[in-house]
Amino acid sequence: MRVILHIGVHKTGTSAIQEFLYKNSALLHAQGFLYPRSGRFHLNHNPIAWPYIDSVFLPDRSKPFFSDFGLPPASEMWESLNKEAAHAEMDCMILSGEDFCLVRDPCVLRESIEGAEIRILVYLRRQDHLLLSIYNEDVKNAVFARTEKFADFQRENRLAPLLDYATLLGKWEQAFGRHSIQVGVYEGKLASHDLLGDFAARIGLQWNDDFWLPTARSNPRIGPVALELKRRFNVRKPSFQQNDVLLDALAGIHEGNSADSGDFIFSDQARNAFLRRFDAGNRIVAERYLGQHNNKTLFDESLPDPQLRPSDSDICIPTEDTIWVAAADIVHHLVSELAESRNTAAPESGPEPDPIQSDPAESGLANAMNIRGEADLFQSGVPYRKNALTDSARDLLKIPETAQDDANLYSMANIAPIYMPFLTALSPDRIVEIGSEKGGNTELLARFSSEIGAKLDVVDPVALPENTHFGDQGKRI
């Protein structure tokens, strides 16, 4: 079997390629190509590379997005891959993951896929564009949420293995041989709209007009003003939900013709000085892997010309005035959305009825969802607020504000407006809650139990947080 190992590098359209392979799996099968499920995280095969990468490059497993992802031993992943390939009986298996380019020693991969015909496919991007794109992504992304300025980010030594292409490819050549490595240059038309066709041609995939194709650019960068505003906001360590809301708002910022944040934070003089560090290595790559002789450069794009666009400073960022204007735009955007949502939820005519207060039998539900301000239930430091629910949110189909904190994402408090009417109707003598976690739903049940005179049993392997307050209700638990 042939194995095509697409190793990146980062920010060279890898997400678009991986989505193309995933969504066209059935059409690939018809031509003898397998894009395996084994070893995949979302759309890529980065987990297969993670056991062989320095920990500084790995995702923070304490982050919610990765905390529940169990990484099996490398041997188990390869065993699962081999079984899937044998069962599929395909001629070629494609593994795609940009983190493969960060593997310390590719020779260990050679040992894991012994007996297969290996081809390494890599796309390279001019180093200044790559660095800027990585910075833009790391500021946008809630996983990294970078707060340092670009100048400090640029000085990070951890990025050196990714930017030195001659050394990078040298390691893969040592493991698989020079003729097993195929290099594509990510610039110009290839970067804008010909990438998927180029990728298909390189792996020997016959183009099919029925292939699924993306209708929009995957993971677009944000402009300079939005980028600087997001960087400052990251100091507050936004949750994944907060990050998504902010990015939606940032997308509405009008930045005129200055959509490329690189022009603001990386001047021409600084770019040229930065690129000179890689010039010799890039020429080696151009000759050794692309057959370009006569000391030809790797990239066709002309270097920045300071004479055409002079700059007095190496690093320049948007002014404070533009930042404040952008912040005002975001506030306006969010307020407009909030107002629209309230108008949509409001009845067409007449005052909004209050089903809870109108029925005395449901007073238990009303009191159960009346949250005390002094009760700081979560260690995150975000307190519950008294009367947190607005009038419109008292509708039984609304989610209470008590469920909006990150620490409470998985709490039954999210669906308290749905189950509380049943408890009210049943009026039980005893309630058993299995799993309390941070105690958010437990307080709702404690207040309700006190209201109807029921006893509440709470089953959990750990004690409730010390700062959980139940007042008089505590004696009923």
Protein backbone atom coordinates (compact mmCIF):
# COMPACT_ATOMS: atom_id res chain seq x y z
CA MET A 1 0.00 0.00 0.00
CA ARG A 2 1.05 3.56 -0.68
CA VAL A 3 0.91 6.05 2.17
CA ILE A 4 0.75 9.76 1.41
CA LEU A 5 1.74 11.79 4.43
CA HIS A 6 0.66 15.42 4.09
CA ILE A 7 2.71 17.23 6.77
CA GLY A 8 1.65 20.86 6.34
CA VAL A 9 3.18 23.20 7.00
CA HIS A 10 0.80 25.24 9.11
CA LYS A 11 -1.25 27.99 7.47
CA THR A 12 -0.90 26.62 3.93
CA GLY A 13 -4.54 25.71 3.37
CA THR A 14 -4.34 22.54 5.47
CA SER A 15 -7.87 22.99 6.86
CA ALA A 16 -9.30 23.29 3.34
CA ILE A 17 -7.43 20.18 2.19
CA GLN A 18 -8.55 18.16 5.21
CA GLU A 19 -12.19 19.19 4.81
CA PHE A 20 -11.96 18.33 1.10
CA LEU A 21 -10.63 14.85 1.92
CA TYR A 22 -13.19 14.26 4.65
CA LYS A 23 -16.28 15.38 2.74
CA ASN A 24 -15.25 13.55 -0.44
CA SER A 25 -14.30 10.28 1.30
CA ALA A 26 -16.79 8.22 -0.69
CA LEU A 27 -15.57 9.59 -4.04
CA LEU A 28 -11.99 9.00 -2.93
CA HIS A 29 -12.86 5.39 -2.08
CA ALA A 30 -14.07 4.88 -5.64
CA GLN A 31 -10.55 5.73 -6.83
CA GLY A 32 -8.79 3.59 -4.24
CA PHE A 33 -7.92 6.32 -1.71
CA LEU A 34 -8.60 5.95 2.01
CA TYR A 35 -8.80 8.95 4.34
CA PRO A 36 -8.95 6.92 7.57
CA ARG A 37 -11.06 7.66 10.62
CA SER A 38 -8.43 6.19 12.93
CA GLY A 39 -6.09 8.65 14.61
CA ARG A 40 -8.21 11.61 13.56
CA PHE A 41 -9.10 14.62 15.69
CA HIS A 42 -11.92 16.52 13.99
CA LEU A 43 -10.73 16.48 10.34
CA ASN A 44 -6.96 15.96 10.73
CA HIS A 45 -4.55 13.26 11.86
CA ASN A 46 -2.51 15.50 14.16
CA PRO A 47 -2.93 13.12 17.17
CA ILE A 48 -0.74 10.58 15.37
CA ALA A 49 2.08 13.15 15.41
CA TRP A 50 1.59 14.34 18.99
CA PRO A 51 3.52 11.51 20.73
CA TYR A 52 6.61 12.52 18.74
CA ILE A 53 6.40 16.30 19.31
CA ASP A 54 7.92 18.45 22.05
CA SER A 55 5.30 19.36 24.64
CA VAL A 56 5.70 23.10 23.94
CA PHE A 57 3.88 22.58 20.63
CA LEU A 58 1.02 20.47 21.99
CA PRO A 59 -2.44 21.88 22.74
CA ASP A 60 -3.13 22.75 26.36
CA ARG A 61 -4.98 19.69 27.66
CA SER A 62 -6.41 21.80 30.49
CA LYS A 63 -8.49 23.74 27.95
CA PRO A 64 -12.12 22.59 27.67
CA PHE A 65 -11.78 21.75 23.98
CA PHE A 66 -9.02 19.20 24.63
CA SER A 67 -9.56 18.12 28.23
CA ASP A 68 -11.91 15.26 27.30
CA PHE A 69 -9.81 14.05 24.39
CA GLY A 70 -8.13 10.80 25.41
CA LEU A 71 -4.89 10.30 23.50
CA PRO A 72 -4.13 6.57 23.13
CA PRO A 73 -0.54 5.30 22.90
CA ALA A 74 1.09 5.67 19.51
CA SER A 75 1.22 1.89 19.05
CA GLU A 76 -2.57 1.64 19.45
CA MET A 77 -3.19 4.39 16.89
CA TRP A 78 -0.94 2.72 14.32
CA GLU A 79 -2.55 -0.67 15.00
CA SER A 80 -5.99 0.86 14.48
CA LEU A 81 -4.81 2.52 11.25
CA ASN A 82 -3.40 -0.74 9.89
CA LYS A 83 -6.62 -2.61 10.70
CA GLU A 84 -8.76 0.02 8.99
CA ALA A 85 -6.51 0.00 5.93
CA ALA A 86 -6.57 -3.81 5.71
CA HIS A 87 -10.35 -3.87 6.02
CA ALA A 88 -10.84 -1.16 3.39
CA GLU A 89 -8.52 -2.88 0.88
CA MET A 90 -7.55 0.44 -0.71
CA ASP A 91 -4.48 1.13 -2.83
CA CYS A 92 -3.51 4.32 -1.03
CA MET A 93 -3.96 5.78 2.45
CA ILE A 94 -3.78 9.55 3.01
CA LEU A 95 -2.78 10.98 6.39
CA SER A 96 -3.02 14.75 6.75
CA GLY A 97 -1.87 16.77 9.74
CA GLU A 98 0.13 20.00 9.87
CA ASP A 99 1.60 18.99 13.23
CA PHE A 100 3.63 16.27 11.48
CA CYS A 101 6.09 18.98 10.44
CA LEU A 102 6.92 19.46 14.15
CA VAL A 103 7.96 15.84 14.74
CA ARG A 104 11.40 15.76 16.37
CA ASP A 105 12.71 12.73 14.50
CA PRO A 106 10.67 11.44 11.51
CA CYS A 107 12.67 8.19 11.62
CA VAL A 108 10.31 6.95 14.36
CA LEU A 109 7.44 7.27 11.89
CA ARG A 110 9.41 5.27 9.37
CA GLU A 111 9.49 2.38 11.86
CA SER A 112 5.71 2.60 12.44
CA ILE A 113 4.77 2.31 8.75
CA GLU A 114 7.39 -0.20 7.71
CA GLY A 115 6.66 -2.00 4.46
CA ALA A 116 4.59 0.74 2.87
CA GLU A 117 5.60 3.00 0.02
CA ILE A 118 5.80 6.42 1.68
CA ARG A 119 5.44 9.79 -0.01
CA ILE A 120 5.81 13.03 1.92
CA LEU A 121 3.85 16.03 0.64
CA VAL A 122 4.53 19.47 2.08
CA TYR A 123 3.55 23.01 1.11
CA LEU A 124 5.87 25.87 2.07
CA ARG A 125 4.90 29.50 2.59
CA ARG A 126 7.20 32.50 2.69
CA GLN A 127 8.31 32.80 6.30
CA ASP A 128 7.08 36.33 6.97
CA HIS A 129 3.58 35.49 5.71
CA LEU A 130 3.62 32.25 7.71
CA LEU A 131 4.65 33.99 10.92
CA LEU A 132 1.99 36.67 10.53
CA SER A 133 -0.70 34.10 9.79
CA ILE A 134 0.23 31.99 12.84
CA TYR A 135 0.14 35.09 15.05
CA ASN A 136 -3.24 36.11 13.66
CA GLU A 137 -4.60 32.63 14.31
CA ASP A 138 -3.16 32.40 17.84
CA VAL A 139 -4.70 35.74 18.80
CA LYS A 140 -8.08 34.72 17.34
CA ASN A 141 -8.17 31.21 18.74
CA ALA A 142 -9.55 30.65 22.23
CA VAL A 143 -7.15 27.73 22.74
CA PHE A 144 -4.11 30.03 22.62
CA ALA A 145 -5.64 33.50 23.11
CA ARG A 146 -2.25 35.20 22.86
CA THR A 147 -1.78 38.49 24.66
CA GLU A 148 1.79 39.39 23.68
CA LYS A 149 2.52 41.88 20.93
CA PHE A 150 3.83 40.65 17.59
CA ALA A 151 7.39 41.81 18.31
CA ASP A 152 7.55 39.54 21.36
CA PHE A 153 5.90 36.68 19.49
CA GLN A 154 8.45 37.01 16.68
CA ARG A 155 11.34 36.51 19.12
CA GLU A 156 10.02 33.14 20.33
CA ASN A 157 12.66 30.49 19.66
CA ARG A 158 10.07 27.70 19.64
CA LEU A 159 9.04 28.65 16.09
CA ALA A 160 12.53 28.14 14.67
CA PRO A 161 12.01 24.44 13.72
CA LEU A 162 8.97 25.41 11.67
CA LEU A 163 10.55 28.35 9.80
CA ASP A 164 13.90 26.79 8.81
CA TYR A 165 12.72 24.81 5.79
CA ALA A 166 16.12 23.40 4.83
CA THR A 167 16.59 21.82 8.26
CA LEU A 168 12.97 20.71 8.39
CA LEU A 169 13.10 18.87 5.06
CA GLY A 170 16.55 17.53 5.86
CA LYS A 171 15.11 15.53 8.77
CA TRP A 172 12.39 14.04 6.57
CA GLU A 173 14.92 13.27 3.83
CA GLN A 174 17.05 11.38 6.32
CA ALA A 175 14.05 9.23 7.26
CA PHE A 176 12.40 8.66 3.87
CA GLY A 177 14.87 9.76 1.18
CA ARG A 178 14.94 12.86 -0.97
CA HIS A 179 12.90 11.40 -3.82
CA SER A 180 10.01 10.60 -1.45
CA ILE A 181 9.52 14.29 -0.68
CA GLN A 182 7.30 16.47 -2.83
CA VAL A 183 7.29 20.23 -2.21
CA GLY A 184 4.62 22.72 -3.24
CA VAL A 185 5.06 26.48 -2.92
CA TYR A 186 2.05 28.16 -1.32
CA GLU A 187 1.80 31.56 -3.00
CA GLY A 188 0.04 33.36 -5.84
CA LYS A 189 -2.75 31.47 -7.63
CA LEU A 190 -2.03 28.29 -5.69
CA ALA A 191 -2.74 30.04 -2.41
CA SER A 192 -5.81 31.84 -3.69
CA HIS A 193 -7.86 29.23 -5.57
CA ASP A 194 -5.82 26.40 -7.16
CA LEU A 195 -4.72 24.57 -4.00
CA LEU A 196 -7.17 21.65 -4.05
CA GLY A 197 -6.59 20.97 -7.74
CA ASP A 198 -2.83 21.04 -7.17
CA PHE A 199 -3.15 18.68 -4.20
CA ALA A 200 -5.30 16.22 -6.16
CA ALA A 201 -2.80 16.20 -9.05
CA ARG A 202 0.14 15.59 -6.72
CA ILE A 203 -1.44 12.53 -5.08
CA GLY A 204 -2.74 11.11 -8.37
CA LEU A 205 -6.42 11.75 -7.68
CA GLN A 206 -8.48 12.18 -10.83
CA TRP A 207 -10.62 15.30 -10.61
CA ASN A 208 -14.36 14.74 -10.34
CA ASP A 209 -16.88 17.50 -10.96
CA ASP A 210 -18.97 16.00 -8.17
CA PHE A 211 -16.31 16.76 -5.58
CA TRP A 212 -17.50 18.89 -2.68
CA LEU A 213 -15.69 22.25 -2.70
CA PRO A 214 -15.68 24.99 -0.06
CA THR A 215 -17.74 28.05 -0.92
CA ALA A 216 -15.78 30.36 1.39
CA ARG A 217 -12.23 30.63 2.58
CA SER A 218 -11.51 28.43 5.59
CA ASN A 219 -10.41 30.22 8.73
CA PRO A 220 -9.91 33.76 7.33
CA ARG A 221 -7.67 36.19 9.19
CA ILE A 222 -8.96 39.34 10.86
CA GLY A 223 -7.82 42.87 10.10
CA PRO A 224 -5.29 44.94 12.06
CA VAL A 225 -7.71 46.90 14.24
CA ALA A 226 -9.75 43.79 15.08
CA LEU A 227 -6.55 41.87 15.78
CA GLU A 228 -5.24 44.46 18.23
CA LEU A 229 -8.60 44.72 19.96
CA LYS A 230 -8.84 40.92 20.26
CA ARG A 231 -5.29 40.75 21.66
CA ARG A 232 -6.23 43.17 24.42
CA PHE A 233 -9.44 41.31 25.14
CA ASN A 234 -7.49 38.04 25.55
CA VAL A 235 -6.10 39.36 28.83
CA ARG A 236 -9.54 38.53 30.25
CA LYS A 237 -9.13 34.89 29.16
CA PRO A 238 -12.38 34.57 27.19
CA SER A 239 -14.27 31.31 27.18
CA PHE A 240 -14.91 29.50 23.92
CA GLN A 241 -18.43 30.91 23.80
CA GLN A 242 -17.26 34.45 24.53
CA ASN A 243 -14.54 34.09 21.92
CA ASP A 244 -17.04 33.06 19.24
CA VAL A 245 -19.33 35.97 20.06
CA LEU A 246 -16.45 38.44 19.94
CA LEU A 247 -15.14 37.11 16.62
CA ASP A 248 -18.62 37.48 15.11
CA ALA A 249 -18.67 41.07 16.29
CA LEU A 250 -15.12 41.74 15.07
CA ALA A 251 -16.08 40.50 11.62
CA GLY A 252 -18.38 43.49 11.33
CA ILE A 253 -15.63 46.06 11.81
CA HIS A 254 -15.01 48.07 8.65
CA GLU A 255 -11.28 48.55 8.13
CA GLY A 256 -11.31 50.08 4.68
CA ASN A 257 -8.58 48.80 2.38
CA SER A 258 -6.26 47.83 5.23
CA ALA A 259 -7.46 44.28 5.78
CA ASP A 260 -3.94 42.85 5.94
CA SER A 261 -2.82 43.16 9.55
CA GLY A 262 0.74 42.33 8.49
CA ASP A 263 1.28 45.77 6.96
CA PHE A 264 0.63 47.32 10.36
CA ILE A 265 2.69 45.10 12.64
CA PHE A 266 5.54 44.05 10.33
CA SER A 267 7.20 46.87 8.42
CA ASP A 268 9.10 46.40 5.17
CA GLN A 269 12.46 46.93 6.86
CA ALA A 270 11.66 44.40 9.57
CA ARG A 271 10.39 41.86 7.03
CA ASN A 272 13.54 42.08 4.93
CA ALA A 273 15.77 41.64 7.96
CA PHE A 274 13.67 38.66 9.05
CA LEU A 275 13.70 37.01 5.61
CA ARG A 276 17.48 37.35 5.22
CA ARG A 277 17.83 34.79 8.02
CA PHE A 278 16.24 32.15 5.78
CA ASP A 279 17.50 33.16 2.33
CA ALA A 280 20.36 30.63 2.11
CA GLY A 281 18.20 27.77 3.36
CA ASN A 282 15.38 28.66 0.97
CA ARG A 283 17.76 28.56 -1.99
CA ILE A 284 18.95 25.11 -0.89
CA VAL A 285 15.33 23.89 -0.80
CA ALA A 286 14.64 25.39 -4.25
CA GLU A 287 17.59 23.55 -5.79
CA ARG A 288 17.40 20.25 -3.90
CA TYR A 289 13.66 19.60 -3.95
CA LEU A 290 12.37 21.69 -6.87
CA GLY A 291 15.35 21.39 -9.25
CA GLN A 292 15.73 25.16 -9.50
CA HIS A 293 19.39 25.92 -10.20
CA ASN A 294 21.38 29.13 -10.72
CA ASN A 295 20.85 30.12 -7.09
CA LYS A 296 17.14 30.73 -7.69
CA THR A 297 14.97 31.77 -4.78
CA LEU A 298 12.25 29.50 -3.42
CA PHE A 299 9.45 32.07 -3.66
CA ASP A 300 8.52 34.14 -6.71
CA GLU A 301 6.94 37.02 -4.80
CA SER A 302 9.18 40.08 -4.71
CA LEU A 303 10.61 41.16 -1.39
CA PRO A 304 9.13 44.26 0.26
CA ASP A 305 10.62 47.52 -1.03
CA PRO A 306 11.03 50.11 1.77
CA GLN A 307 11.52 52.83 -0.85
CA LEU A 308 8.01 52.33 -2.17
CA ARG A 309 6.44 52.30 1.27
CA PRO A 310 8.82 53.89 3.80
CA SER A 311 8.31 53.39 7.49
CA ASP A 312 9.95 55.05 10.43
CA SER A 313 9.27 52.17 12.77
CA ASP A 314 9.81 48.45 12.62
CA ILE A 315 6.57 47.71 14.41
CA CYS A 316 3.46 49.83 13.93
CA ILE A 317 0.00 49.13 15.29
CA PRO A 318 -3.36 50.87 14.88
CA THR A 319 -3.80 54.06 16.92
CA GLU A 320 -5.73 54.24 20.16
CA ASP A 321 -8.42 56.25 18.37
CA THR A 322 -9.04 53.46 15.86
CA ILE A 323 -9.13 50.90 18.68
CA TRP A 324 -11.77 52.88 20.57
CA VAL A 325 -13.85 53.40 17.45
CA ALA A 326 -13.72 49.65 16.81
CA ALA A 327 -14.72 48.94 20.40
CA ALA A 328 -17.71 51.25 19.99
CA ASP A 329 -18.66 49.40 16.79
CA ILE A 330 -18.62 46.10 18.65
CA VAL A 331 -20.75 47.43 21.49
CA HIS A 332 -23.22 48.78 18.94
CA HIS A 333 -23.28 45.41 17.16
CA LEU A 334 -23.93 43.45 20.36
CA VAL A 335 -26.53 45.90 21.68
CA SER A 336 -28.35 45.77 18.33
CA GLU A 337 -28.43 41.98 18.41
CA LEU A 338 -29.68 41.98 22.00
CA ALA A 339 -32.42 44.49 21.18
CA GLU A 340 -33.47 42.46 18.14
CA SER A 341 -33.62 39.25 20.16
CA ARG A 342 -35.79 40.92 22.79
CA ASN A 343 -38.13 42.32 20.15
CA THR A 344 -38.42 38.87 18.61
CA ALA A 345 -39.22 37.27 21.96
CA ALA A 346 -41.82 39.90 22.94
CA PRO A 347 -45.54 39.20 22.28
CA GLU A 348 -47.20 41.06 19.42
CA SER A 349 -49.62 42.93 21.66
CA GLY A 350 -50.47 43.45 25.31
CA PRO A 351 -48.23 43.07 28.37
CA GLU A 352 -46.14 39.94 28.71
CA PRO A 353 -47.82 37.51 31.12
CA ASP A 354 -45.81 36.17 34.03
CA PRO A 355 -46.86 32.51 34.25
CA ILE A 356 -44.89 31.97 37.43
CA GLN A 357 -46.33 34.81 39.47
CA SER A 358 -49.86 34.33 38.07
CA ASP A 359 -50.15 30.85 39.55
CA PRO A 360 -49.49 30.56 43.31
CA ALA A 361 -48.92 26.83 42.87
CA GLU A 362 -45.78 27.63 40.93
CA SER A 363 -44.28 29.95 43.55
CA GLY A 364 -41.81 27.19 44.38
CA LEU A 365 -40.38 27.41 40.89
CA ALA A 366 -40.14 31.21 41.10
CA ASN A 367 -38.28 31.09 44.40
CA ALA A 368 -36.12 28.18 43.30
CA MET A 369 -34.79 30.23 40.39
CA ASN A 370 -34.24 33.41 42.45
CA ILE A 371 -30.47 33.39 42.87
CA ARG A 372 -28.76 35.07 45.83
CA GLY A 373 -26.11 37.64 44.92
CA GLU A 374 -23.85 36.75 47.84
CA ALA A 375 -23.58 33.14 46.72
CA ASP A 376 -20.36 32.79 44.74
CA LEU A 377 -20.92 29.19 43.73
CA PHE A 378 -18.07 28.71 41.31
CA GLN A 379 -14.35 28.83 41.84
CA SER A 380 -14.13 30.79 38.60
CA GLY A 381 -14.97 33.89 40.62
CA VAL A 382 -18.11 34.76 38.63
CA PRO A 383 -20.94 35.15 41.18
CA TYR A 384 -24.57 34.35 40.67
CA ARG A 385 -26.77 37.45 40.74
CA LYS A 386 -30.03 37.88 42.57
CA ASN A 387 -33.02 37.84 40.22
CA ALA A 388 -30.66 36.92 37.38
CA LEU A 389 -33.56 36.00 35.12
CA THR A 390 -35.19 38.78 33.12
CA ASP A 391 -38.96 38.83 32.74
CA SER A 392 -38.78 37.39 29.24
CA ALA A 393 -36.40 34.68 30.44
CA ARG A 394 -38.98 33.46 32.93
CA ASP A 395 -40.67 31.73 30.02
CA LEU A 396 -40.22 28.02 30.65
CA LEU A 397 -38.50 27.56 27.31
CA LYS A 398 -35.72 30.03 28.21
CA ILE A 399 -32.31 29.08 29.62
CA PRO A 400 -31.59 30.74 33.01
CA GLU A 401 -28.63 33.04 33.36
CA THR A 402 -27.36 30.68 36.05
CA ALA A 403 -26.36 28.36 33.22
CA GLN A 404 -24.36 30.92 31.27
CA ASP A 405 -21.09 30.63 33.19
CA ASP A 406 -18.39 28.36 31.72
CA ALA A 407 -18.17 26.37 34.95
CA ASN A 408 -21.81 25.42 34.56
CA LEU A 409 -21.91 24.40 30.90
CA TYR A 410 -22.83 20.79 31.68
CA SER A 411 -25.12 21.47 34.63
CA MET A 412 -28.75 20.37 34.78
CA ALA A 413 -29.43 24.03 35.60
CA ASN A 414 -29.45 24.50 31.83
CA ILE A 415 -32.76 22.66 31.60
CA ALA A 416 -34.20 23.64 34.99
CA PRO A 417 -37.00 25.63 33.29
CA ILE A 418 -38.09 22.40 31.63
CA TYR A 419 -37.93 19.95 34.54
CA MET A 420 -39.05 22.28 37.37
CA PRO A 421 -42.73 22.34 36.28
CA PHE A 422 -42.78 18.53 36.54
CA LEU A 423 -41.36 18.63 40.05
CA THR A 424 -43.86 21.33 40.97
CA ALA A 425 -46.74 19.19 39.71
CA LEU A 426 -45.45 16.05 41.45
CA SER A 427 -44.64 17.81 44.76
CA PRO A 428 -42.38 14.95 45.90
CA ASP A 429 -41.40 14.23 49.51
CA ARG A 430 -37.85 13.39 48.51
CA ILE A 431 -35.57 14.32 45.59
CA VAL A 432 -32.29 12.59 44.67
CA GLU A 433 -29.73 14.49 42.59
CA ILE A 434 -27.01 12.26 41.15
CA GLY A 435 -23.97 14.36 40.32
CA SER A 436 -23.62 17.86 41.75
CA GLU A 437 -20.32 19.05 40.24
CA LYS A 438 -20.11 22.80 41.04
CA GLY A 439 -23.40 22.90 42.90
CA GLY A 440 -25.31 25.18 40.54
CA ASN A 441 -28.28 22.86 40.03
CA THR A 442 -28.06 21.71 43.64
CA GLU A 443 -28.87 25.20 44.89
CA LEU A 444 -31.91 25.37 42.63
CA LEU A 445 -33.13 22.03 44.00
CA ALA A 446 -32.34 23.06 47.60
CA ARG A 447 -34.45 26.18 47.31
CA PHE A 448 -37.27 24.24 45.69
CA SER A 449 -37.08 21.46 48.31
CA SER A 450 -37.26 24.00 51.12
CA GLU A 451 -40.25 25.64 49.50
CA ILE A 452 -42.29 22.41 49.33
CA GLY A 453 -40.87 20.76 52.48
CA ALA A 454 -39.06 17.95 50.67
CA LYS A 455 -35.74 16.31 51.55
CA LEU A 456 -32.90 16.49 49.03
CA ASP A 457 -30.27 13.75 48.68
CA VAL A 458 -27.14 14.68 46.72
CA VAL A 459 -24.84 11.93 45.45
CA ASP A 460 -21.38 12.99 44.27
CA PRO A 461 -17.82 11.59 44.68
CA VAL A 462 -16.57 14.94 45.99
CA ALA A 463 -17.91 17.43 48.51
CA LEU A 464 -19.63 20.58 47.35
CA PRO A 465 -17.43 23.68 47.08
CA GLU A 466 -16.90 25.39 50.43
CA ASN A 467 -18.27 28.66 49.09
CA THR A 468 -21.63 27.09 48.21
CA HIS A 469 -24.29 28.67 50.41
CA PHE A 470 -27.66 27.11 51.09
CA GLY A 471 -28.73 29.02 54.19
CA ASP A 472 -31.69 27.41 55.89
CA GLN A 473 -32.02 24.92 53.09
CA GLY A 474 -28.77 23.22 54.10
CA LYS A 475 -30.43 21.28 56.90
CA ARG A 476 -32.64 19.55 54.36
CA ILE A 477 -29.71 18.17 52.32
